[in-house]
């Protein structure tokens, strides 16, 4: 039997108004990205949330953003 893996980022209309969050938390993925934009390292982001998330969960926010930007369709003006 193959173990079921948890999706690191989820969107639920009952959690943070449907914003993508780190699974099992109410921490929006965008907040992690904002902190990285401000210059914090992944380890500093984890510390900022008091250890409520792991380094791999913070990294998953970056991967989520990249994957979603790849799916964005640009239309010519």
Protein backbone atom coordinates (compact mmCIF):
# COMPACT_ATOMS: atom_id res chain seq x y z
CA UNK A 1 0.00 0.00 0.00
CA UNK A 2 1.34 3.41 -0.99
CA UNK A 3 1.22 5.97 1.83
CA UNK A 4 -0.95 8.98 1.15
CA UNK A 5 0.99 12.23 1.15
CA UNK A 6 -0.44 15.51 2.31
CA UNK A 7 -0.55 18.41 -0.06
CA UNK A 8 1.65 21.12 1.48
CA UNK A 9 -0.60 23.98 0.33
CA UNK A 10 -4.39 23.83 0.42
CA UNK A 11 -7.29 26.18 -0.20
CA UNK A 12 -10.47 25.75 1.83
CA UNK A 13 -13.31 28.28 1.74
CA UNK A 14 -13.62 27.93 5.53
CA UNK A 15 -9.95 28.77 6.23
CA UNK A 16 -8.68 32.30 5.55
CA UNK A 17 -11.53 32.96 3.11
CA UNK A 18 -10.21 30.35 0.70
CA UNK A 19 -6.70 31.79 0.41
CA UNK A 20 -4.04 29.11 -0.16
CA UNK A 21 -2.57 28.23 3.23
CA UNK A 22 0.06 25.89 4.58
CA UNK A 23 -1.88 22.67 5.22
CA UNK A 24 -2.93 22.26 8.83
CA UNK A 25 -2.41 25.94 9.61
CA UNK A 26 -4.10 29.27 8.98
CA UNK A 27 -0.84 30.71 7.60
CA UNK A 28 -1.43 32.09 4.10
CA UNK A 29 1.14 31.10 1.50
CA UNK A 30 1.36 34.71 0.38
CA UNK A 31 2.56 35.76 3.85
CA UNK A 32 5.56 33.46 3.57
CA UNK A 33 6.31 34.94 0.14
CA UNK A 34 6.05 38.48 1.52
CA UNK A 35 8.58 37.69 4.23
CA UNK A 36 10.96 36.19 1.68
CA UNK A 37 10.53 39.32 -0.46
CA UNK A 38 11.49 41.39 2.58
CA UNK A 39 14.79 39.51 2.65
CA UNK A 40 14.21 36.90 5.34
CA UNK A 41 15.74 33.47 4.76
CA UNK A 42 13.62 30.32 4.89
CA UNK A 43 14.98 29.62 8.37
CA UNK A 44 14.07 33.15 9.51
CA UNK A 45 10.55 32.71 8.14
CA UNK A 46 10.18 29.51 10.16
CA UNK A 47 11.40 31.36 13.26
CA UNK A 48 8.98 34.23 12.57
CA UNK A 49 6.09 31.78 12.82
CA UNK A 50 7.46 30.36 16.05
CA UNK A 51 8.21 26.99 14.54
CA UNK A 52 4.56 26.44 13.53
CA UNK A 53 5.83 25.58 10.06
CA UNK A 54 8.87 23.74 8.78
CA UNK A 55 11.49 24.85 6.33
CA UNK A 56 10.05 22.46 3.74
CA UNK A 57 6.58 23.97 4.20
CA UNK A 58 7.99 27.46 3.65
CA UNK A 59 9.75 26.17 0.53
CA UNK A 60 6.46 24.64 -0.63
CA UNK A 61 4.98 28.16 -0.73
CA UNK A 62 7.64 29.18 -3.23
CA UNK A 63 7.03 26.05 -5.32
CA UNK A 64 3.28 26.70 -5.21
CA UNK A 65 3.75 30.25 -6.48
CA UNK A 66 6.05 29.11 -9.28
CA UNK A 67 3.64 26.38 -10.36
CA UNK A 68 0.72 28.79 -10.43
CA UNK A 69 2.61 31.43 -12.38
CA UNK A 70 3.52 28.81 -14.99
CA UNK A 71 -0.17 28.14 -15.48
CA UNK A 72 -0.98 31.81 -16.00
CA UNK A 73 -1.95 32.59 -19.59
CA UNK A 74 -0.81 35.93 -20.96
CA UNK A 75 -2.91 37.59 -23.62
CA UNK A 76 -1.59 40.10 -26.11
CA UNK A 77 -3.09 43.58 -25.89
